[in-house]
Amino acid sequence: MRRMLLLFDKDNPFWNSELACIAGEDPKELKDLHSEGLLELTPLGNYRLSHEGERALLDYCREWGVPISLPVGGLKEEESIWASRLGILLDKGFLGRWSLKEYKHNEILGYYPGLTGKDSWVIDEEGQLSWLYADNPMMQAFLNRYPDAGMKARRKQLPDAREVAQWCKNNSIPQGKLHVPLLLLSRYDFTHYVRFSPPPQDVWQFMNADRMFCFRARSNPPLALPVFIDQIAAVRLCLIYYSHVHLPGYTHFDTEDQENLNWILRLASVILMSMLYLSF
């Protein structure tokens, strides 16, 4: 079996010649796999596994004990190519000494309270942006109910996430959902921190990791600004929720009391449009 077939998985279901070149692979292999019936061309000119290709990949992985997660349907092809390209470029773009880089594609992060638009932020007549979510009654009620966060929360009992969701439902507090096309978790000094087992409630695997939330910019700037601000607010709200429910004491600081960094990258194609470091 050709090694390049292993590039196709649930996070990278589509490949083309450009991606192959960026990844340091021979793009001719794609054409060869296609001619052998293991790949098929999409209407957009990208390659994906054929049914025969899926069977060949599964057989190979079973024989050699290689873990694999096959591509699933329903993914937007253009968005998938964009995330794969960015992941490859980020992987090549910085070394990350003694670190492990983990890429999560098409992540959906649920959080409470799900505040958006006028409930979360406002831009005044002078163009000044103000955040409103901290004073929102739903946020205040949530923080009064679940006040523990920061290092002082490490010695306290964690809330039950199911109880939190039920309480929010009973009090008409909506759930927010943040779609992150590409989420990078950078685990610095990996061999040192690997001895710290993450708690089971760390469902996003944020413990002992810097996080990079990557979004694709819209081409129409007037329409893009509200979307971008909502994304910034949603990342902030996600981290507030996580620091009070799932990972109190370790969301913003690691197990050695060093700060975890949270970055937002907003890009058009592969050109960096804006990058924010969130410190709160």
C-alpha atoms as a PDB file:
ATOM      1  CA  MET A   1       0.000   0.000   0.000  1.00  0.00           C
ATOM      2  CA  ARG A   2       1.192   3.530  -0.781  1.00  0.00           C
ATOM      3  CA  ARG A   3       2.157   5.508   2.331  1.00  0.00           C
ATOM      4  CA  MET A   4       0.352   8.618   1.096  1.00  0.00           C
ATOM      5  CA  LEU A   5      -2.989   6.917   1.639  1.00  0.00           C
ATOM      6  CA  LEU A   6      -2.367   7.393   5.375  1.00  0.00           C
ATOM      7  CA  LEU A   7      -2.763  11.165   4.945  1.00  0.00           C
ATOM      8  CA  PHE A   8      -6.527  10.750   4.547  1.00  0.00           C
ATOM      9  CA  ASP A   9      -8.345  10.776   7.898  1.00  0.00           C
ATOM     10  CA  LYS A  10     -11.321  12.423   9.584  1.00  0.00           C
ATOM     11  CA  ASP A  11      -9.439  15.705  10.039  1.00  0.00           C
ATOM     12  CA  ASN A  12      -7.915  15.765   6.550  1.00  0.00           C
ATOM     13  CA  PRO A  13     -10.431  14.061   4.240  1.00  0.00           C
ATOM     14  CA  PHE A  14      -9.494  16.065   1.120  1.00  0.00           C
ATOM     15  CA  TRP A  15      -6.085  16.502  -0.501  1.00  0.00           C
ATOM     16  CA  ASN A  16      -4.777  18.143  -3.659  1.00  0.00           C
ATOM     17  CA  SER A  17      -1.414  18.744  -5.311  1.00  0.00           C
ATOM     18  CA  GLU A  18      -0.815  22.014  -3.452  1.00  0.00           C
ATOM     19  CA  LEU A  19      -1.411  20.430  -0.037  1.00  0.00           C
ATOM     20  CA  ALA A  20       0.814  17.498  -0.938  1.00  0.00           C
ATOM     21  CA  CYS A  21       3.659  19.843  -1.906  1.00  0.00           C
ATOM     22  CA  ILE A  22       3.271  21.899   1.277  1.00  0.00           C
ATOM     23  CA  ALA A  23       3.350  18.691   3.320  1.00  0.00           C
ATOM     24  CA  GLY A  24       6.526  17.584   1.573  1.00  0.00           C
ATOM     25  CA  GLU A  25       4.863  14.754  -0.343  1.00  0.00           C
ATOM     26  CA  ASP A  26       5.014  13.899  -4.027  1.00  0.00           C
ATOM     27  CA  PRO A  27       1.772  15.121  -5.674  1.00  0.00           C
ATOM     28  CA  LYS A  28       2.214  12.516  -8.398  1.00  0.00           C
ATOM     29  CA  GLU A  29       1.292   9.900  -5.801  1.00  0.00           C
ATOM     30  CA  LEU A  30      -2.242  11.322  -5.731  1.00  0.00           C
ATOM     31  CA  LYS A  31      -2.641  10.751  -9.455  1.00  0.00           C
ATOM     32  CA  ASP A  32      -1.265   7.231  -9.126  1.00  0.00           C
ATOM     33  CA  LEU A  33      -3.661   6.400  -6.312  1.00  0.00           C
ATOM     34  CA  HIS A  34      -6.504   7.822  -8.373  1.00  0.00           C
ATOM     35  CA  SER A  35      -5.556   5.706 -11.393  1.00  0.00           C
ATOM     36  CA  GLU A  36      -5.527   2.626  -9.131  1.00  0.00           C
ATOM     37  CA  GLY A  37      -9.082   3.374  -7.984  1.00  0.00           C
ATOM     38  CA  LEU A  38      -8.116   4.160  -4.399  1.00  0.00           C
ATOM     39  CA  LEU A  39      -8.980   7.857  -4.688  1.00  0.00           C
ATOM     40  CA  GLU A  40     -11.739   9.746  -6.457  1.00  0.00           C
ATOM     41  CA  LEU A  41     -11.903  13.333  -7.681  1.00  0.00           C
ATOM     42  CA  THR A  42     -14.457  15.749  -6.254  1.00  0.00           C
ATOM     43  CA  PRO A  43     -16.274  18.365  -8.358  1.00  0.00           C
ATOM     44  CA  LEU A  44     -13.864  20.955  -6.882  1.00  0.00           C
ATOM     45  CA  GLY A  45     -10.853  19.020  -8.135  1.00  0.00           C
ATOM     46  CA  ASN A  46      -9.679  17.590  -4.821  1.00  0.00           C
ATOM     47  CA  TYR A  47      -9.026  13.954  -3.985  1.00  0.00           C
ATOM     48  CA  ARG A  48     -10.848  11.852  -1.420  1.00  0.00           C
ATOM     49  CA  LEU A  49     -10.856   8.172  -0.551  1.00  0.00           C
ATOM     50  CA  SER A  50     -12.958   5.916  -2.741  1.00  0.00           C
ATOM     51  CA  HIS A  51     -14.762   2.933  -1.197  1.00  0.00           C
ATOM     52  CA  GLU A  52     -11.916   0.762  -2.435  1.00  0.00           C
ATOM     53  CA  GLY A  53      -9.419   3.174  -0.880  1.00  0.00           C
ATOM     54  CA  GLU A  54     -11.197   3.020   2.488  1.00  0.00           C
ATOM     55  CA  ARG A  55     -11.091  -0.786   2.426  1.00  0.00           C
ATOM     56  CA  ALA A  56      -7.395  -0.805   1.504  1.00  0.00           C
ATOM     57  CA  LEU A  57      -6.584   1.669   4.291  1.00  0.00           C
ATOM     58  CA  LEU A  58      -8.548  -0.282   6.897  1.00  0.00           C
ATOM     59  CA  ASP A  59      -6.915  -3.550   5.865  1.00  0.00           C
ATOM     60  CA  TYR A  60      -3.457  -1.995   6.135  1.00  0.00           C
ATOM     61  CA  CYS A  61      -4.162  -0.461   9.548  1.00  0.00           C
ATOM     62  CA  ARG A  62      -5.550  -3.720  10.934  1.00  0.00           C
ATOM     63  CA  GLU A  63      -2.564  -5.664   9.644  1.00  0.00           C
ATOM     64  CA  TRP A  64       0.052  -3.309  11.072  1.00  0.00           C
ATOM     65  CA  GLY A  65      -1.793  -1.969  14.121  1.00  0.00           C
ATOM     66  CA  VAL A  66      -1.887   1.612  12.847  1.00  0.00           C
ATOM     67  CA  PRO A  67      -4.595   3.752  14.510  1.00  0.00           C
ATOM     68  CA  ILE A  68      -6.824   5.440  11.960  1.00  0.00           C
ATOM     69  CA  SER A  69     -10.057   7.402  11.921  1.00  0.00           C
ATOM     70  CA  LEU A  70     -11.684   7.383   8.513  1.00  0.00           C
ATOM     71  CA  PRO A  71     -13.161  10.563   7.006  1.00  0.00           C
ATOM     72  CA  VAL A  72     -16.822  11.162   7.752  1.00  0.00           C
ATOM     73  CA  GLY A  73     -19.448  12.745   5.551  1.00  0.00           C
ATOM     74  CA  GLY A  74     -20.976  16.181   5.911  1.00  0.00           C
ATOM     75  CA  LEU A  75     -17.754  18.198   5.972  1.00  0.00           C
ATOM     76  CA  LYS A  76     -17.520  21.298   3.817  1.00  0.00           C
ATOM     77  CA  GLU A  77     -14.805  20.621   1.293  1.00  0.00           C
ATOM     78  CA  GLU A  78     -13.458  24.162   0.942  1.00  0.00           C
ATOM     79  CA  GLU A  79     -13.385  24.692   4.722  1.00  0.00           C
ATOM     80  CA  SER A  80     -11.640  21.353   5.217  1.00  0.00           C
ATOM     81  CA  ILE A  81      -8.931  22.203   2.670  1.00  0.00           C
ATOM     82  CA  TRP A  82      -8.416  25.588   4.354  1.00  0.00           C
ATOM     83  CA  ALA A  83      -7.992  24.004   7.812  1.00  0.00           C
ATOM     84  CA  SER A  84      -5.645  21.301   6.485  1.00  0.00           C
ATOM     85  CA  ARG A  85      -3.484  23.891   4.727  1.00  0.00           C
ATOM     86  CA  LEU A  86      -3.295  26.082   7.820  1.00  0.00           C
ATOM     87  CA  GLY A  87      -2.462  23.112  10.038  1.00  0.00           C
ATOM     88  CA  ILE A  88       0.431  22.091   7.793  1.00  0.00           C
ATOM     89  CA  LEU A  89       1.763  25.661   7.645  1.00  0.00           C
ATOM     90  CA  LEU A  90       1.509  26.099  11.415  1.00  0.00           C
ATOM     91  CA  ASP A  91       3.275  22.804  11.947  1.00  0.00           C
ATOM     92  CA  LYS A  92       6.115  23.943   9.712  1.00  0.00           C
ATOM     93  CA  GLY A  93       6.023  27.542  10.928  1.00  0.00           C
ATOM     94  CA  PHE A  94       7.431  27.082  14.416  1.00  0.00           C
ATOM     95  CA  LEU A  95       9.423  24.377  16.098  1.00  0.00           C
ATOM     96  CA  GLY A  96       8.028  24.420  19.598  1.00  0.00           C
ATOM     97  CA  ARG A  97      11.047  23.095  21.465  1.00  0.00           C
ATOM     98  CA  TRP A  98      10.327  20.002  23.585  1.00  0.00           C
ATOM     99  CA  SER A  99       6.668  20.344  22.675  1.00  0.00           C
ATOM    100  CA  LEU A 100       3.822  18.370  21.181  1.00  0.00           C
ATOM    101  CA  LYS A 101       1.416  20.110  18.801  1.00  0.00           C
ATOM    102  CA  GLU A 102      -2.120  18.726  18.613  1.00  0.00           C
ATOM    103  CA  TYR A 103      -4.558  19.878  15.923  1.00  0.00           C
ATOM    104  CA  LYS A 104      -8.321  19.586  16.319  1.00  0.00           C
ATOM    105  CA  HIS A 105     -10.414  20.240  13.228  1.00  0.00           C
ATOM    106  CA  ASN A 106     -14.000  21.452  13.110  1.00  0.00           C
ATOM    107  CA  GLU A 107     -14.382  21.645  16.894  1.00  0.00           C
ATOM    108  CA  ILE A 108     -17.705  22.616  18.491  1.00  0.00           C
ATOM    109  CA  LEU A 109     -17.253  24.005  22.021  1.00  0.00           C
ATOM    110  CA  GLY A 110     -20.392  24.302  24.126  1.00  0.00           C
ATOM    111  CA  TYR A 111     -20.560  26.776  27.014  1.00  0.00           C
ATOM    112  CA  TYR A 112     -22.849  28.763  29.349  1.00  0.00           C
ATOM    113  CA  PRO A 113     -24.170  31.393  29.209  1.00  0.00           C
ATOM    114  CA  GLY A 114     -24.499  31.647  25.426  1.00  0.00           C
ATOM    115  CA  LEU A 115     -24.454  35.422  25.066  1.00  0.00           C
ATOM    116  CA  THR A 116     -24.101  37.042  21.644  1.00  0.00           C
ATOM    117  CA  GLY A 117     -24.527  40.418  19.953  1.00  0.00           C
ATOM    118  CA  LYS A 118     -26.137  43.108  22.073  1.00  0.00           C
ATOM    119  CA  ASP A 119     -26.053  40.861  25.162  1.00  0.00           C
ATOM    120  CA  SER A 120     -22.280  40.582  24.885  1.00  0.00           C
ATOM    121  CA  TRP A 121     -20.821  43.717  23.295  1.00  0.00           C
ATOM    122  CA  VAL A 122     -21.623  47.103  21.776  1.00  0.00           C
ATOM    123  CA  ILE A 123     -19.871  49.629  19.530  1.00  0.00           C
ATOM    124  CA  ASP A 124     -20.762  53.245  20.312  1.00  0.00           C
ATOM    125  CA  GLU A 125     -21.091  56.157  17.881  1.00  0.00           C
ATOM    126  CA  GLU A 126     -17.368  56.889  18.164  1.00  0.00           C
ATOM    127  CA  GLY A 127     -16.482  53.329  17.190  1.00  0.00           C
ATOM    128  CA  GLN A 128     -15.429  52.304  20.701  1.00  0.00           C
ATOM    129  CA  LEU A 129     -16.010  48.636  21.535  1.00  0.00           C
ATOM    130  CA  SER A 130     -17.306  47.794  25.004  1.00  0.00           C
ATOM    131  CA  TRP A 131     -17.848  44.339  26.469  1.00  0.00           C
ATOM    132  CA  LEU A 132     -21.211  43.827  28.160  1.00  0.00           C
ATOM    133  CA  TYR A 133     -21.229  40.139  29.061  1.00  0.00           C
ATOM    134  CA  ALA A 134     -19.671  40.624  32.529  1.00  0.00           C
ATOM    135  CA  ASP A 135     -22.641  42.763  33.647  1.00  0.00           C
ATOM    136  CA  ASN A 136     -25.276  40.617  31.974  1.00  0.00           C
ATOM    137  CA  PRO A 137     -27.775  39.231  34.554  1.00  0.00           C
ATOM    138  CA  MET A 138     -27.345  35.695  33.188  1.00  0.00           C
ATOM    139  CA  MET A 139     -23.580  35.869  33.603  1.00  0.00           C
ATOM    140  CA  GLN A 140     -23.886  37.269  37.110  1.00  0.00           C
ATOM    141  CA  ALA A 141     -26.356  34.536  38.072  1.00  0.00           C
ATOM    142  CA  PHE A 142     -24.040  31.880  36.638  1.00  0.00           C
ATOM    143  CA  LEU A 143     -20.985  33.186  38.510  1.00  0.00           C
ATOM    144  CA  ASN A 144     -22.970  33.503  41.748  1.00  0.00           C
ATOM    145  CA  ARG A 145     -23.987  29.869  41.389  1.00  0.00           C
ATOM    146  CA  TYR A 146     -20.497  28.651  40.406  1.00  0.00           C
ATOM    147  CA  PRO A 147     -18.061  31.204  41.867  1.00  0.00           C
ATOM    148  CA  ASP A 148     -14.911  29.111  42.248  1.00  0.00           C
ATOM    149  CA  ALA A 149     -12.092  29.672  39.748  1.00  0.00           C
ATOM    150  CA  GLY A 150      -8.372  30.335  39.752  1.00  0.00           C
ATOM    151  CA  MET A 151      -5.791  28.582  41.886  1.00  0.00           C
ATOM    152  CA  LYS A 152      -7.946  28.778  44.992  1.00  0.00           C
ATOM    153  CA  ALA A 153     -10.425  26.442  43.294  1.00  0.00           C
ATOM    154  CA  ARG A 154      -7.895  23.587  43.070  1.00  0.00           C
ATOM    155  CA  ARG A 155      -8.722  22.429  46.587  1.00  0.00           C
ATOM    156  CA  LYS A 156     -12.496  22.532  46.120  1.00  0.00           C
ATOM    157  CA  GLN A 157     -14.956  20.016  44.751  1.00  0.00           C
ATOM    158  CA  LEU A 158     -15.691  20.439  41.054  1.00  0.00           C
ATOM    159  CA  PRO A 159     -19.214  21.127  39.826  1.00  0.00           C
ATOM    160  CA  ASP A 160     -21.012  18.366  37.958  1.00  0.00           C
ATOM    161  CA  ALA A 161     -21.285  19.467  34.315  1.00  0.00           C
ATOM    162  CA  ARG A 162     -24.666  17.752  33.938  1.00  0.00           C
ATOM    163  CA  GLU A 163     -25.999  19.565  36.987  1.00  0.00           C
ATOM    164  CA  VAL A 164     -24.670  22.842  35.564  1.00  0.00           C
ATOM    165  CA  ALA A 165     -26.459  22.239  32.262  1.00  0.00           C
ATOM    166  CA  GLN A 166     -29.712  21.377  34.059  1.00  0.00           C
ATOM    167  CA  TRP A 167     -29.479  24.441  36.305  1.00  0.00           C
ATOM    168  CA  CYS A 168     -28.905  26.681  33.270  1.00  0.00           C
ATOM    169  CA  LYS A 169     -31.894  25.114  31.527  1.00  0.00           C
ATOM    170  CA  ASN A 170     -34.109  25.616  34.579  1.00  0.00           C
ATOM    171  CA  ASN A 171     -33.072  29.266  34.738  1.00  0.00           C
ATOM    172  CA  SER A 172     -33.518  29.936  30.994  1.00  0.00           C
ATOM    173  CA  ILE A 173     -29.805  30.456  30.433  1.00  0.00           C
ATOM    174  CA  PRO A 174     -29.025  29.436  26.832  1.00  0.00           C
ATOM    175  CA  GLN A 175     -26.099  27.340  25.763  1.00  0.00           C
ATOM    176  CA  GLY A 176     -23.614  28.866  23.354  1.00  0.00           C
ATOM    177  CA  LYS A 177     -21.736  26.877  20.735  1.00  0.00           C
ATOM    178  CA  LEU A 178     -18.458  28.066  19.269  1.00  0.00           C
ATOM    179  CA  HIS A 179     -17.330  26.525  15.992  1.00  0.00           C
ATOM    180  CA  VAL A 180     -13.522  26.509  15.725  1.00  0.00           C
ATOM    181  CA  PRO A 181     -12.334  25.424  12.246  1.00  0.00           C
ATOM    182  CA  LEU A 182      -8.866  24.649  13.607  1.00  0.00           C
ATOM    183  CA  LEU A 183      -7.808  24.474  17.241  1.00  0.00           C
ATOM    184  CA  LEU A 184      -4.112  24.061  18.032  1.00  0.00           C
ATOM    185  CA  LEU A 185      -3.072  22.786  21.455  1.00  0.00           C
ATOM    186  CA  SER A 186       0.647  23.348  22.018  1.00  0.00           C
ATOM    187  CA  ARG A 187       1.965  21.190  24.844  1.00  0.00           C
ATOM    188  CA  TYR A 188       5.300  22.711  25.847  1.00  0.00           C
ATOM    189  CA  ASP A 189       7.869  20.643  27.790  1.00  0.00           C
ATOM    190  CA  PHE A 190       5.742  17.633  26.941  1.00  0.00           C
ATOM    191  CA  THR A 191       7.999  15.035  28.538  1.00  0.00           C
ATOM    192  CA  HIS A 192       7.853  16.924  31.839  1.00  0.00           C
ATOM    193  CA  TYR A 193       4.087  17.532  31.912  1.00  0.00           C
ATOM    194  CA  VAL A 194       3.133  14.070  30.696  1.00  0.00           C
ATOM    195  CA  ARG A 195       3.406  12.855  34.287  1.00  0.00           C
ATOM    196  CA  PHE A 196       0.383  15.004  35.220  1.00  0.00           C
ATOM    197  CA  SER A 197      -2.788  13.076  34.363  1.00  0.00           C
ATOM    198  CA  PRO A 198      -5.612  15.351  33.175  1.00  0.00           C
ATOM    199  CA  PRO A 199      -8.846  15.072  35.160  1.00  0.00           C
ATOM    200  CA  PRO A 200     -11.763  13.315  33.398  1.00  0.00           C
ATOM    201  CA  GLN A 201     -13.802  16.513  33.276  1.00  0.00           C
ATOM    202  CA  ASP A 202     -11.149  18.151  31.029  1.00  0.00           C
ATOM    203  CA  VAL A 203     -13.227  17.281  27.964  1.00  0.00           C
ATOM    204  CA  TRP A 204     -11.486  19.866  25.753  1.00  0.00           C
ATOM    205  CA  GLN A 205      -8.021  18.638  26.863  1.00  0.00           C
ATOM    206  CA  PHE A 206      -6.904  22.161  27.764  1.00  0.00           C
ATOM    207  CA  MET A 207      -4.807  21.203  30.776  1.00  0.00           C
ATOM    208  CA  ASN A 208      -1.093  22.096  30.428  1.00  0.00           C
ATOM    209  CA  ALA A 209      -1.490  23.488  26.914  1.00  0.00           C
ATOM    210  CA  ASP A 210      -1.368  26.822  25.116  1.00  0.00           C
ATOM    211  CA  ARG A 211      -4.347  27.206  22.772  1.00  0.00           C
ATOM    212  CA  MET A 212      -4.653  28.791  19.376  1.00  0.00           C
ATOM    213  CA  PHE A 213      -8.206  29.339  18.075  1.00  0.00           C
ATOM    214  CA  CYS A 214      -8.074  29.700  14.278  1.00  0.00           C
ATOM    215  CA  PHE A 215     -10.905  31.248  12.266  1.00  0.00           C
ATOM    216  CA  ARG A 216     -11.350  32.083   8.606  1.00  0.00           C
ATOM    217  CA  ALA A 217     -12.061  35.739   7.808  1.00  0.00           C
ATOM    218  CA  ARG A 218     -14.947  36.755   5.581  1.00  0.00           C
ATOM    219  CA  SER A 219     -14.200  38.645   2.395  1.00  0.00           C
ATOM    220  CA  ASN A 220     -16.695  41.465   3.139  1.00  0.00           C
ATOM    221  CA  PRO A 221     -15.171  43.641   5.910  1.00  0.00           C
ATOM    222  CA  PRO A 222     -18.422  45.370   7.041  1.00  0.00           C
ATOM    223  CA  LEU A 223     -20.092  41.989   7.531  1.00  0.00           C
ATOM    224  CA  ALA A 224     -16.983  40.407   8.968  1.00  0.00           C
ATOM    225  CA  LEU A 225     -16.540  42.735  11.962  1.00  0.00           C
ATOM    226  CA  PRO A 226     -19.636  41.653  13.963  1.00  0.00           C
ATOM    227  CA  VAL A 227     -18.794  38.002  13.301  1.00  0.00           C
ATOM    228  CA  PHE A 228     -15.221  38.533  14.472  1.00  0.00           C
ATOM    229  CA  ILE A 229     -16.311  40.320  17.646  1.00  0.00           C
ATOM    230  CA  ASP A 230     -18.800  37.534  18.388  1.00  0.00           C
ATOM    231  CA  GLN A 231     -15.985  35.005  17.970  1.00  0.00           C
ATOM    232  CA  ILE A 232     -13.731  36.894  20.377  1.00  0.00           C
ATOM    233  CA  ALA A 233     -16.573  37.114  22.891  1.00  0.00           C
ATOM    234  CA  ALA A 234     -17.373  33.416  22.482  1.00  0.00           C
ATOM    235  CA  VAL A 235     -13.750  32.424  23.132  1.00  0.00           C
ATOM    236  CA  ARG A 236     -13.762  34.552  26.273  1.00  0.00           C
ATOM    237  CA  LEU A 237     -17.076  33.061  27.423  1.00  0.00           C
ATOM    238  CA  CYS A 238     -15.815  29.544  26.706  1.00  0.00           C
ATOM    239  CA  LEU A 239     -12.780  30.104  28.901  1.00  0.00           C
ATOM    240  CA  ILE A 240     -14.849  31.646  31.698  1.00  0.00           C
ATOM    241  CA  TYR A 241     -17.226  28.666  31.644  1.00  0.00           C
ATOM    242  CA  TYR A 242     -14.375  26.170  31.504  1.00  0.00           C
ATOM    243  CA  SER A 243     -12.488  27.833  34.328  1.00  0.00           C
ATOM    244  CA  HIS A 244     -15.551  27.600  36.601  1.00  0.00           C
ATOM    245  CA  VAL A 245     -16.922  24.185  35.643  1.00  0.00           C
ATOM    246  CA  HIS A 246     -14.562  21.781  33.873  1.00  0.00           C
ATOM    247  CA  LEU A 247     -11.063  22.890  34.830  1.00  0.00           C
ATOM    248  CA  PRO A 248     -11.107  25.287  37.800  1.00  0.00           C
ATOM    249  CA  GLY A 249      -7.606  26.199  38.828  1.00  0.00           C
ATOM    250  CA  TYR A 250      -5.923  24.922  35.660  1.00  0.00           C
ATOM    251  CA  THR A 251      -7.563  26.769  32.761  1.00  0.00           C
ATOM    252  CA  HIS A 252      -5.320  29.824  32.914  1.00  0.00           C
ATOM    253  CA  PHE A 253      -2.346  28.297  34.753  1.00  0.00           C
ATOM    254  CA  ASP A 254      -0.687  24.920  34.352  1.00  0.00           C
ATOM    255  CA  THR A 255       0.272  22.416  37.020  1.00  0.00           C
ATOM    256  CA  GLU A 256       3.579  24.267  37.552  1.00  0.00           C
ATOM    257  CA  ASP A 257       1.700  27.578  38.011  1.00  0.00           C
ATOM    258  CA  GLN A 258       2.882  28.968  34.670  1.00  0.00           C
ATOM    259  CA  GLU A 259       0.420  30.934  32.541  1.00  0.00           C
ATOM    260  CA  ASN A 260      -1.365  29.171  29.697  1.00  0.00           C
ATOM    261  CA  LEU A 261      -1.661  31.372  26.586  1.00  0.00           C
ATOM    262  CA  ASN A 262      -4.821  31.770  24.531  1.00  0.00           C
ATOM    263  CA  TRP A 263      -4.487  33.123  20.991  1.00  0.00           C
ATOM    264  CA  ILE A 264      -7.055  33.999  18.344  1.00  0.00           C
ATOM    265  CA  LEU A 265      -5.928  33.825  14.732  1.00  0.00           C
ATOM    266  CA  ARG A 266      -8.219  35.220  12.073  1.00  0.00           C
ATOM    267  CA  LEU A 267      -7.018  34.639   8.542  1.00  0.00           C
ATOM    268  CA  ALA A 268      -8.052  35.146   4.943  1.00  0.00           C
ATOM    269  CA  SER A 269      -6.666  32.290   2.850  1.00  0.00           C
ATOM    270  CA  VAL A 270      -3.249  31.750   4.451  1.00  0.00           C
ATOM    271  CA  ILE A 271      -2.542  35.457   4.976  1.00  0.00           C
ATOM    272  CA  LEU A 272      -2.577  36.527   8.601  1.00  0.00           C
ATOM    273  CA  MET A 273      -5.268  39.207   9.056  1.00  0.00           C
ATOM    274  CA  SER A 274      -5.251  39.624  12.796  1.00  0.00           C
ATOM    275  CA  MET A 275      -3.881  37.910  15.868  1.00  0.00           C
ATOM    276  CA  LEU A 276      -4.914  38.627  19.414  1.00  0.00           C
ATOM    277  CA  TYR A 277      -3.462  37.421  22.658  1.00  0.00           C
ATOM    278  CA  LEU A 278      -6.219  37.086  25.228  1.00  0.00           C
ATOM    279  CA  SER A 279      -5.096  37.744  28.766  1.00  0.00           C
ATOM    280  CA  PHE A 280      -7.878  37.651  31.334  1.00  0.00           C
END
